[in-house]
């Protein structure tokens, strides 16, 4: 069974880029993990859990190397495509300018044309845009740490909880932590 990275994780890690090609730490310390209690679904086998963790770490490594096309092979297309209209709306809040924003980002002006493109091309466009739009965050996110908090099976889907942490730059600042739950296909 092939595991995919959920679009939410892909978009959450859009800025998790390692500066100068240096790899950021791959995981947080166990003591720093946010506790998560699952209330539904069945546990994964040890083999399935290891597979999910390996795919997520492979994806993160591709992101940190800025190998957008390799990272795109881990992205679940349906969810990724569903995330494009809200992203375009955030770029162009005026509906009259959304076709122009879509054209700027993907080289085409309609969602039908976007859907006709390969996922790797779409992901590359999104990541390139994010890299140009906020280059300072690349430096900050290059230090990001990732931890899989857990995974559960509900019907034919695997649902994961993960944590993305950016360590504080000094003792007087708090680290930034984001905990998110997503589903894998």
N, C-alpha and C. Protein backbone atom coordinates (compact mmCIF):
# COMPACT_ATOMS: atom_id res chain seq x y z
N UNK A 1 0.85 -1.17 0.00
CA UNK A 1 0.00 0.00 0.00
C UNK A 1 0.90 1.25 0.00
N UNK A 2 0.70 2.14 -0.93
CA UNK A 2 1.51 3.34 -1.01
C UNK A 2 0.93 4.41 -0.08
N UNK A 3 1.78 5.06 0.66
CA UNK A 3 1.36 6.12 1.57
C UNK A 3 1.63 7.47 0.90
N UNK A 4 0.73 8.39 1.13
CA UNK A 4 0.84 9.72 0.56
C UNK A 4 0.95 10.74 1.68
N UNK A 5 1.55 11.85 1.38
CA UNK A 5 1.58 12.97 2.30
C UNK A 5 0.30 13.77 2.10
N UNK A 6 -0.42 14.08 3.17
CA UNK A 6 -1.63 14.88 3.01
C UNK A 6 -1.28 16.30 2.58
N UNK A 7 -2.20 16.90 1.86
CA UNK A 7 -1.96 18.26 1.37
C UNK A 7 -1.74 19.23 2.50
N UNK A 8 -2.43 19.06 3.60
CA UNK A 8 -2.23 19.97 4.73
C UNK A 8 -0.81 19.96 5.21
N UNK A 9 -0.20 18.79 5.25
CA UNK A 9 1.19 18.69 5.63
C UNK A 9 2.06 19.33 4.57
N UNK A 10 1.74 19.08 3.32
CA UNK A 10 2.51 19.70 2.25
C UNK A 10 2.48 21.21 2.37
N UNK A 11 1.31 21.77 2.62
CA UNK A 11 1.21 23.22 2.73
C UNK A 11 1.81 23.71 4.03
N UNK A 12 1.71 22.93 5.11
CA UNK A 12 2.33 23.33 6.37
C UNK A 12 3.84 23.36 6.25
N UNK A 13 4.37 22.49 5.43
CA UNK A 13 5.81 22.43 5.27
C UNK A 13 6.31 23.23 4.07
N UNK A 14 5.44 24.00 3.46
CA UNK A 14 5.84 24.78 2.31
C UNK A 14 7.06 25.64 2.64
N UNK A 15 7.13 26.12 3.85
CA UNK A 15 8.24 26.98 4.23
C UNK A 15 9.32 26.26 5.02
N UNK A 16 9.20 24.96 5.15
CA UNK A 16 10.21 24.19 5.89
C UNK A 16 11.39 23.88 4.98
N UNK A 17 12.11 24.89 4.65
CA UNK A 17 13.20 24.78 3.70
C UNK A 17 14.53 24.97 4.42
N UNK A 18 15.47 24.10 4.18
CA UNK A 18 16.77 24.23 4.82
C UNK A 18 17.63 25.23 4.05
N UNK A 19 18.18 26.26 4.71
CA UNK A 19 19.01 27.23 4.01
C UNK A 19 20.30 26.60 3.54
N UNK A 20 20.73 26.97 2.36
CA UNK A 20 22.00 26.51 1.84
C UNK A 20 22.09 25.01 1.70
N UNK A 21 20.98 24.32 1.63
CA UNK A 21 21.00 22.88 1.45
C UNK A 21 21.31 22.11 2.72
N UNK A 22 21.44 22.79 3.87
CA UNK A 22 21.71 22.08 5.12
C UNK A 22 20.43 21.46 5.62
N UNK A 23 20.53 20.26 6.12
CA UNK A 23 19.35 19.58 6.63
C UNK A 23 19.05 20.04 8.04
N UNK A 24 17.79 20.31 8.31
CA UNK A 24 17.35 20.64 9.66
C UNK A 24 17.17 19.35 10.44
N UNK A 25 17.11 19.42 11.77
CA UNK A 25 16.86 18.21 12.53
C UNK A 25 15.56 17.55 12.07
N UNK A 26 15.56 16.24 12.02
CA UNK A 26 14.42 15.52 11.47
C UNK A 26 13.32 15.28 12.49
N UNK A 27 13.63 15.32 13.76
CA UNK A 27 12.60 14.99 14.74
C UNK A 27 12.84 15.76 16.02
N UNK A 28 11.78 15.99 16.77
CA UNK A 28 11.90 16.64 18.06
C UNK A 28 12.22 15.59 19.11
N UNK A 29 12.72 16.04 20.25
CA UNK A 29 12.94 15.14 21.37
C UNK A 29 11.59 14.64 21.87
N UNK A 30 11.52 13.42 22.34
CA UNK A 30 10.26 12.87 22.83
C UNK A 30 9.66 13.72 23.94
N UNK A 31 10.50 14.30 24.81
CA UNK A 31 10.00 15.12 25.91
C UNK A 31 9.30 16.38 25.42
N UNK A 32 9.61 16.83 24.21
CA UNK A 32 9.05 18.06 23.67
C UNK A 32 7.78 17.83 22.86
N UNK A 33 7.36 16.61 22.71
CA UNK A 33 6.17 16.31 21.91
C UNK A 33 4.90 16.68 22.67
N UNK A 34 3.95 17.22 21.93
CA UNK A 34 2.63 17.51 22.50
C UNK A 34 1.90 16.17 22.64
N UNK A 35 1.35 15.87 23.82
CA UNK A 35 0.65 14.59 23.98
C UNK A 35 -0.65 14.58 23.17
N UNK A 36 -0.90 13.46 22.52
CA UNK A 36 -2.10 13.29 21.70
C UNK A 36 -2.80 12.02 22.14
N UNK A 37 -4.12 12.08 22.30
CA UNK A 37 -4.91 10.90 22.65
C UNK A 37 -5.88 10.64 21.51
N UNK A 38 -5.75 9.50 20.89
CA UNK A 38 -6.64 9.12 19.80
C UNK A 38 -7.90 8.50 20.38
N UNK A 39 -9.04 8.87 19.82
CA UNK A 39 -10.30 8.36 20.33
C UNK A 39 -11.02 7.46 19.34
N UNK A 40 -10.57 7.41 18.11
CA UNK A 40 -11.22 6.58 17.09
C UNK A 40 -10.16 5.86 16.29
N UNK A 41 -10.62 4.83 15.61
CA UNK A 41 -9.75 4.12 14.68
C UNK A 41 -8.93 3.03 15.32
N UNK A 42 -8.34 2.22 14.45
CA UNK A 42 -7.51 1.12 14.90
C UNK A 42 -6.04 1.44 14.77
N UNK A 43 -5.26 0.76 15.56
CA UNK A 43 -3.82 0.98 15.52
C UNK A 43 -3.23 0.39 14.26
N UNK A 44 -2.14 0.97 13.82
CA UNK A 44 -1.40 0.44 12.69
C UNK A 44 -0.49 -0.68 13.17
N UNK A 45 -0.16 -1.56 12.27
CA UNK A 45 0.85 -2.57 12.61
C UNK A 45 2.18 -1.85 12.74
N UNK A 46 3.13 -2.48 13.37
CA UNK A 46 4.46 -1.88 13.51
C UNK A 46 5.06 -1.59 12.14
N UNK A 47 4.81 -2.48 11.19
CA UNK A 47 5.33 -2.29 9.83
C UNK A 47 4.69 -1.07 9.16
N UNK A 48 3.37 -0.93 9.30
CA UNK A 48 2.67 0.22 8.71
C UNK A 48 3.12 1.52 9.36
N UNK A 49 3.28 1.51 10.67
CA UNK A 49 3.73 2.70 11.39
C UNK A 49 5.12 3.11 10.91
N UNK A 50 6.00 2.14 10.76
CA UNK A 50 7.35 2.43 10.28
C UNK A 50 7.32 2.98 8.85
N UNK A 51 6.42 2.44 8.03
CA UNK A 51 6.29 2.92 6.65
C UNK A 51 5.81 4.36 6.61
N UNK A 52 4.80 4.70 7.44
CA UNK A 52 4.30 6.07 7.48
C UNK A 52 5.40 7.02 7.93
N UNK A 53 6.12 6.66 8.97
CA UNK A 53 7.21 7.51 9.47
C UNK A 53 8.30 7.68 8.40
N UNK A 54 8.63 6.62 7.71
CA UNK A 54 9.67 6.70 6.67
C UNK A 54 9.24 7.63 5.53
N UNK A 55 8.00 7.52 5.11
CA UNK A 55 7.51 8.38 4.02
C UNK A 55 7.54 9.84 4.46
N UNK A 56 7.07 10.12 5.69
CA UNK A 56 7.06 11.49 6.16
C UNK A 56 8.48 12.06 6.25
N UNK A 57 9.41 11.26 6.74
CA UNK A 57 10.79 11.73 6.83
C UNK A 57 11.43 11.88 5.45
N UNK A 58 11.09 11.00 4.51
CA UNK A 58 11.58 11.16 3.14
C UNK A 58 11.07 12.45 2.53
N UNK A 59 9.79 12.72 2.76
CA UNK A 59 9.18 13.95 2.26
C UNK A 59 9.88 15.17 2.86
N UNK A 60 10.08 15.16 4.17
CA UNK A 60 10.74 16.28 4.83
C UNK A 60 12.16 16.47 4.29
N UNK A 61 12.87 15.37 4.08
CA UNK A 61 14.23 15.47 3.53
C UNK A 61 14.20 16.09 2.14
N UNK A 62 13.23 15.70 1.30
CA UNK A 62 13.10 16.30 -0.04
C UNK A 62 12.82 17.80 0.06
N UNK A 63 11.96 18.18 1.01
CA UNK A 63 11.65 19.59 1.21
C UNK A 63 12.90 20.35 1.65
N UNK A 64 13.64 19.78 2.59
CA UNK A 64 14.83 20.45 3.09
C UNK A 64 15.91 20.58 2.02
N UNK A 65 15.95 19.65 1.09
CA UNK A 65 16.90 19.73 -0.04
C UNK A 65 16.36 20.62 -1.15
N UNK A 66 15.13 21.07 -0.99
CA UNK A 66 14.44 21.88 -1.99
C UNK A 66 14.25 21.11 -3.30
N UNK A 67 14.08 19.82 -3.18
CA UNK A 67 13.82 18.97 -4.33
C UNK A 67 12.30 18.83 -4.46
N UNK A 68 11.70 19.89 -5.00
CA UNK A 68 10.24 19.98 -5.04
C UNK A 68 9.61 18.83 -5.82
N UNK A 69 10.21 18.45 -6.91
CA UNK A 69 9.61 17.39 -7.73
C UNK A 69 9.65 16.04 -7.00
N UNK A 70 10.73 15.77 -6.29
CA UNK A 70 10.79 14.53 -5.52
C UNK A 70 9.77 14.57 -4.38
N UNK A 71 9.65 15.72 -3.72
CA UNK A 71 8.67 15.85 -2.64
C UNK A 71 7.26 15.67 -3.17
N UNK A 72 7.00 16.14 -4.36
CA UNK A 72 5.66 16.05 -4.95
C UNK A 72 5.20 14.60 -5.13
N UNK A 73 6.13 13.68 -5.26
CA UNK A 73 5.75 12.27 -5.43
C UNK A 73 5.10 11.71 -4.17
N UNK A 74 5.27 12.40 -3.05
CA UNK A 74 4.66 11.96 -1.79
C UNK A 74 3.33 12.65 -1.52
N UNK A 75 2.95 13.61 -2.36
CA UNK A 75 1.75 14.42 -2.12
C UNK A 75 0.52 13.74 -2.69
N UNK A 76 -0.53 13.69 -1.89
CA UNK A 76 -1.80 13.12 -2.32
C UNK A 76 -2.51 14.16 -3.18
N UNK A 77 -2.69 13.87 -4.45
CA UNK A 77 -3.14 14.84 -5.45
C UNK A 77 -4.50 15.47 -5.14
N UNK A 78 -5.50 14.66 -4.78
CA UNK A 78 -6.84 15.19 -4.55
C UNK A 78 -6.84 16.28 -3.49
N UNK A 79 -6.21 16.00 -2.37
CA UNK A 79 -6.17 16.98 -1.29
C UNK A 79 -5.36 18.20 -1.68
N UNK A 80 -4.27 17.98 -2.40
CA UNK A 80 -3.44 19.10 -2.83
C UNK A 80 -4.23 20.02 -3.75
N UNK A 81 -4.94 19.43 -4.72
CA UNK A 81 -5.76 20.23 -5.64
C UNK A 81 -6.85 20.98 -4.87
N UNK A 82 -7.43 20.35 -3.86
CA UNK A 82 -8.48 21.01 -3.07
C UNK A 82 -7.93 22.21 -2.30
N UNK A 83 -6.65 22.22 -2.01
CA UNK A 83 -6.04 23.33 -1.30
C UNK A 83 -5.67 24.51 -2.19
N UNK A 84 -5.72 24.33 -3.50
CA UNK A 84 -5.31 25.41 -4.41
C UNK A 84 -6.29 26.58 -4.42
N UNK A 85 -7.60 26.37 -4.55
CA UNK A 85 -8.50 27.54 -4.56
C UNK A 85 -8.38 28.43 -3.32
N UNK A 86 -8.32 27.88 -2.10
CA UNK A 86 -8.13 28.77 -0.94
C UNK A 86 -6.79 29.51 -0.99
N UNK A 87 -5.75 28.85 -1.49
CA UNK A 87 -4.46 29.51 -1.61
C UNK A 87 -4.54 30.66 -2.60
N UNK A 88 -5.17 30.44 -3.75
CA UNK A 88 -5.34 31.50 -4.75
C UNK A 88 -6.17 32.64 -4.15
N UNK A 89 -7.21 32.31 -3.39
CA UNK A 89 -8.03 33.35 -2.76
C UNK A 89 -7.22 34.17 -1.76
N UNK A 90 -6.24 33.55 -1.10
CA UNK A 90 -5.40 34.32 -0.17
C UNK A 90 -4.42 35.21 -0.92
N UNK A 91 -4.01 34.79 -2.10
CA UNK A 91 -3.12 35.60 -2.93
C UNK A 91 -3.90 36.75 -3.56
N UNK A 92 -5.12 36.46 -4.01
CA UNK A 92 -5.96 37.45 -4.69
C UNK A 92 -7.34 37.46 -4.04
N UNK A 93 -7.51 38.24 -2.96
CA UNK A 93 -8.82 38.28 -2.29
C UNK A 93 -9.96 38.75 -3.20
N UNK A 94 -9.65 39.57 -4.19
CA UNK A 94 -10.65 40.04 -5.15
C UNK A 94 -10.90 38.92 -6.16
N UNK A 95 -12.12 38.36 -6.18
CA UNK A 95 -12.41 37.26 -7.12
C UNK A 95 -12.10 37.60 -8.58
N UNK A 96 -12.20 38.86 -8.95
CA UNK A 96 -11.93 39.27 -10.33
C UNK A 96 -10.45 39.10 -10.69
N UNK A 97 -9.58 38.99 -9.70
CA UNK A 97 -8.14 38.88 -9.96
C UNK A 97 -7.60 37.46 -9.76
N UNK A 98 -8.47 36.52 -9.47
CA UNK A 98 -8.00 35.16 -9.17
C UNK A 98 -7.47 34.43 -10.40
N UNK A 99 -8.07 34.64 -11.56
CA UNK A 99 -7.55 34.01 -12.78
C UNK A 99 -6.14 34.51 -13.06
N UNK A 100 -5.92 35.79 -12.82
CA UNK A 100 -4.58 36.38 -13.00
C UNK A 100 -3.58 35.76 -12.01
N UNK A 101 -4.00 35.58 -10.76
CA UNK A 101 -3.13 34.96 -9.76
C UNK A 101 -2.84 33.50 -10.12
N UNK A 102 -3.84 32.79 -10.61
CA UNK A 102 -3.66 31.41 -11.04
C UNK A 102 -2.69 31.35 -12.21
N UNK A 103 -2.83 32.28 -13.14
CA UNK A 103 -1.92 32.37 -14.29
C UNK A 103 -0.49 32.64 -13.82
N UNK A 104 -0.35 33.58 -12.88
CA UNK A 104 0.98 33.93 -12.37
C UNK A 104 1.64 32.72 -11.69
N UNK A 105 0.87 31.98 -10.94
CA UNK A 105 1.43 30.88 -10.17
C UNK A 105 1.65 29.62 -11.00
N UNK A 106 0.67 29.27 -11.83
CA UNK A 106 0.72 27.98 -12.53
C UNK A 106 0.87 28.08 -14.05
N UNK A 107 0.82 29.29 -14.59
CA UNK A 107 0.97 29.45 -16.04
C UNK A 107 -0.32 29.20 -16.81
N UNK A 108 -1.41 28.97 -16.09
CA UNK A 108 -2.73 28.78 -16.70
C UNK A 108 -3.73 29.55 -15.85
N UNK A 109 -4.90 29.87 -16.42
CA UNK A 109 -5.82 30.74 -15.72
C UNK A 109 -7.04 30.10 -15.10
N UNK A 110 -7.27 28.81 -15.32
CA UNK A 110 -8.47 28.17 -14.78
C UNK A 110 -8.10 26.93 -13.97
N UNK A 111 -8.99 26.54 -13.05
CA UNK A 111 -8.75 25.33 -12.27
C UNK A 111 -8.78 24.09 -13.15
N UNK A 112 -9.59 24.09 -14.20
CA UNK A 112 -9.58 22.95 -15.12
C UNK A 112 -8.20 22.78 -15.73
N UNK A 113 -7.58 23.89 -16.11
CA UNK A 113 -6.23 23.83 -16.68
C UNK A 113 -5.20 23.44 -15.62
N UNK A 114 -5.40 23.90 -14.39
CA UNK A 114 -4.51 23.51 -13.30
C UNK A 114 -4.59 22.00 -13.10
N UNK A 115 -5.80 21.46 -13.07
CA UNK A 115 -6.00 20.01 -12.87
C UNK A 115 -5.33 19.18 -13.96
N UNK A 116 -5.18 19.75 -15.14
CA UNK A 116 -4.57 19.02 -16.25
C UNK A 116 -3.05 18.91 -16.10
N UNK A 117 -2.46 19.68 -15.20
CA UNK A 117 -1.01 19.65 -15.02
C UNK A 117 -0.60 18.53 -14.08
N UNK A 118 0.65 18.14 -14.17
CA UNK A 118 1.20 17.10 -13.29
C UNK A 118 1.36 17.67 -11.88
N UNK A 119 1.18 16.81 -10.90
CA UNK A 119 1.31 17.22 -9.50
C UNK A 119 2.70 17.78 -9.24
N UNK A 120 3.73 17.18 -9.81
CA UNK A 120 5.09 17.68 -9.59
C UNK A 120 5.24 19.11 -10.09
N UNK A 121 4.63 19.44 -11.23
CA UNK A 121 4.71 20.80 -11.75
C UNK A 121 3.96 21.78 -10.85
N UNK A 122 2.79 21.37 -10.38
CA UNK A 122 2.00 22.23 -9.51
C UNK A 122 2.72 22.46 -8.18
N UNK A 123 3.25 21.39 -7.61
CA UNK A 123 3.94 21.50 -6.32
C UNK A 123 5.18 22.37 -6.47
N UNK A 124 5.91 22.19 -7.56
CA UNK A 124 7.09 23.01 -7.83
C UNK A 124 6.70 24.49 -7.89
N UNK A 125 5.61 24.80 -8.56
CA UNK A 125 5.15 26.19 -8.67
C UNK A 125 4.80 26.76 -7.30
N UNK A 126 4.10 25.99 -6.47
CA UNK A 126 3.71 26.46 -5.14
C UNK A 126 4.95 26.70 -4.29
N UNK A 127 5.87 25.75 -4.30
CA UNK A 127 7.06 25.88 -3.47
C UNK A 127 7.96 27.02 -3.94
N UNK A 128 8.08 27.20 -5.23
CA UNK A 128 8.87 28.31 -5.76
C UNK A 128 8.25 29.64 -5.35
N UNK A 129 6.94 29.75 -5.45
CA UNK A 129 6.24 30.96 -5.03
C UNK A 129 6.49 31.23 -3.54
N UNK A 130 6.35 30.21 -2.71
CA UNK A 130 6.55 30.37 -1.27
C UNK A 130 7.98 30.80 -0.96
N UNK A 131 8.94 30.26 -1.69
CA UNK A 131 10.35 30.61 -1.47
C UNK A 131 10.63 32.07 -1.79
N UNK A 132 9.99 32.56 -2.83
CA UNK A 132 10.19 33.95 -3.25
C UNK A 132 9.39 34.91 -2.37
N UNK A 133 8.19 34.52 -2.00
CA UNK A 133 7.27 35.39 -1.26
C UNK A 133 7.79 35.73 0.13
N UNK A 134 8.41 34.78 0.81
CA UNK A 134 8.85 35.01 2.18
C UNK A 134 10.22 34.38 2.43
N UNK A 135 11.28 34.95 1.84
CA UNK A 135 12.61 34.32 1.97
C UNK A 135 13.15 34.28 3.40
N UNK A 136 12.75 35.23 4.26
CA UNK A 136 13.24 35.20 5.65
C UNK A 136 12.76 33.96 6.39
N UNK A 137 11.57 33.51 6.06
CA UNK A 137 11.05 32.34 6.75
C UNK A 137 11.84 31.09 6.40
N UNK A 138 12.51 31.10 5.26
CA UNK A 138 13.33 29.95 4.87
C UNK A 138 14.44 29.75 5.89
N UNK A 139 15.06 30.84 6.31
CA UNK A 139 16.12 30.75 7.31
C UNK A 139 15.56 30.22 8.62
N UNK A 140 14.44 30.79 9.05
CA UNK A 140 13.83 30.35 10.31
C UNK A 140 13.39 28.89 10.23
N UNK A 141 12.70 28.52 9.15
CA UNK A 141 12.17 27.17 9.04
C UNK A 141 13.25 26.14 8.75
N UNK A 142 14.42 26.57 8.35
CA UNK A 142 15.52 25.65 8.15
C UNK A 142 15.91 24.92 9.42
N UNK A 143 15.50 25.47 10.56
CA UNK A 143 15.78 24.85 11.86
C UNK A 143 14.61 24.01 12.36
N UNK A 144 13.57 23.87 11.55
CA UNK A 144 12.36 23.17 11.99
C UNK A 144 12.64 21.72 12.34
N UNK A 145 11.90 21.26 13.33
CA UNK A 145 11.97 19.86 13.74
C UNK A 145 10.59 19.25 13.52
N UNK A 146 10.57 17.99 13.14
CA UNK A 146 9.33 17.32 12.82
C UNK A 146 9.18 16.08 13.68
N UNK A 147 7.96 15.83 14.14
CA UNK A 147 7.70 14.61 14.90
C UNK A 147 6.33 14.06 14.53
N UNK A 148 6.26 12.79 14.24
CA UNK A 148 4.98 12.11 14.05
C UNK A 148 4.49 11.72 15.44
N UNK A 149 3.34 12.23 15.82
CA UNK A 149 2.81 11.98 17.15
C UNK A 149 2.03 10.68 17.22
N UNK A 150 1.48 10.26 16.09
CA UNK A 150 0.74 9.01 16.08
C UNK A 150 -0.03 8.85 14.79
N UNK A 151 -0.50 7.64 14.57
CA UNK A 151 -1.28 7.33 13.37
C UNK A 151 -2.33 6.30 13.72
N UNK A 152 -3.50 6.45 13.12
CA UNK A 152 -4.60 5.52 13.34
C UNK A 152 -5.26 5.22 12.01
N UNK A 153 -5.83 4.04 11.88
CA UNK A 153 -6.57 3.66 10.68
C UNK A 153 -8.06 3.80 10.96
N UNK A 154 -8.72 4.54 10.07
CA UNK A 154 -10.18 4.65 10.10
C UNK A 154 -10.65 4.30 8.71
N UNK A 155 -11.34 3.17 8.61
CA UNK A 155 -11.77 2.61 7.32
C UNK A 155 -10.54 2.38 6.46
N UNK A 156 -10.49 2.96 5.24
CA UNK A 156 -9.36 2.70 4.35
C UNK A 156 -8.34 3.84 4.37
N UNK A 157 -8.41 4.71 5.35
CA UNK A 157 -7.50 5.86 5.44
C UNK A 157 -6.66 5.78 6.70
N UNK A 158 -5.47 6.32 6.61
CA UNK A 158 -4.62 6.46 7.78
C UNK A 158 -4.63 7.93 8.16
N UNK A 159 -4.95 8.20 9.42
CA UNK A 159 -4.97 9.56 9.94
C UNK A 159 -3.75 9.74 10.82
N UNK A 160 -3.07 10.86 10.66
CA UNK A 160 -1.86 11.10 11.43
C UNK A 160 -1.99 12.38 12.23
N UNK A 161 -1.24 12.45 13.29
CA UNK A 161 -1.04 13.69 14.04
C UNK A 161 0.45 13.94 14.02
N UNK A 162 0.83 15.15 13.67
CA UNK A 162 2.24 15.48 13.61
C UNK A 162 2.49 16.84 14.23
N UNK A 163 3.72 17.08 14.57
CA UNK A 163 4.12 18.32 15.21
C UNK A 163 5.29 18.91 14.44
N UNK A 164 5.20 20.18 14.15
CA UNK A 164 6.28 20.93 13.52
C UNK A 164 6.72 21.98 14.53
N UNK A 165 7.99 21.99 14.90
CA UNK A 165 8.50 22.92 15.90
C UNK A 165 9.69 23.67 15.34
N UNK A 166 9.67 24.99 15.53
CA UNK A 166 10.83 25.83 15.22
C UNK A 166 11.39 26.27 16.56
N UNK A 167 12.62 25.84 16.89
CA UNK A 167 13.20 26.19 18.18
C UNK A 167 13.33 27.71 18.35
N UNK A 168 13.27 28.16 19.61
CA UNK A 168 13.44 29.58 19.92
C UNK A 168 14.87 30.00 19.60
N UNK A 169 15.02 31.25 19.16
CA UNK A 169 16.35 31.76 18.84
C UNK A 169 17.14 32.15 20.08
N UNK A 170 16.44 32.33 21.21
CA UNK A 170 17.14 32.68 22.45
C UNK A 170 16.33 32.14 23.63
N UNK A 171 16.92 32.23 24.83
CA UNK A 171 16.25 31.75 26.04
C UNK A 171 15.04 32.58 26.41
N UNK A 172 14.94 33.78 25.87
CA UNK A 172 13.82 34.65 26.23
C UNK A 172 12.62 34.48 25.30
N UNK A 173 12.76 33.69 24.27
CA UNK A 173 11.67 33.47 23.32
C UNK A 173 11.13 32.05 23.45
N UNK A 174 9.88 31.86 23.05
CA UNK A 174 9.26 30.55 23.05
C UNK A 174 9.43 29.90 21.68
N UNK A 175 9.57 28.58 21.64
CA UNK A 175 9.58 27.91 20.33
C UNK A 175 8.20 27.99 19.70
N UNK A 176 8.15 27.94 18.38
CA UNK A 176 6.89 27.89 17.66
C UNK A 176 6.57 26.43 17.42
N UNK A 177 5.39 25.99 17.84
CA UNK A 177 4.97 24.60 17.64
C UNK A 177 3.60 24.59 17.01
N UNK A 178 3.45 23.75 15.99
CA UNK A 178 2.17 23.57 15.34
C UNK A 178 1.86 22.08 15.34
N UNK A 179 0.71 21.72 15.87
CA UNK A 179 0.27 20.33 15.88
C UNK A 179 -0.93 20.24 14.94
N UNK A 180 -0.89 19.29 14.04
CA UNK A 180 -1.93 19.16 13.02
C UNK A 180 -2.28 17.70 12.84
N UNK A 181 -3.53 17.45 12.52
CA UNK A 181 -3.98 16.10 12.19
C UNK A 181 -4.41 16.09 10.74
N UNK A 182 -4.02 15.07 10.02
CA UNK A 182 -4.33 14.94 8.60
C UNK A 182 -4.66 13.49 8.31
N UNK A 183 -5.11 13.24 7.10
CA UNK A 183 -5.34 11.87 6.69
C UNK A 183 -4.44 11.54 5.51
N UNK A 184 -4.03 10.32 5.47
CA UNK A 184 -3.26 9.80 4.35
C UNK A 184 -4.18 8.92 3.54
N UNK A 185 -3.88 8.76 2.30
CA UNK A 185 -4.69 7.90 1.46
C UNK A 185 -4.21 6.48 1.52
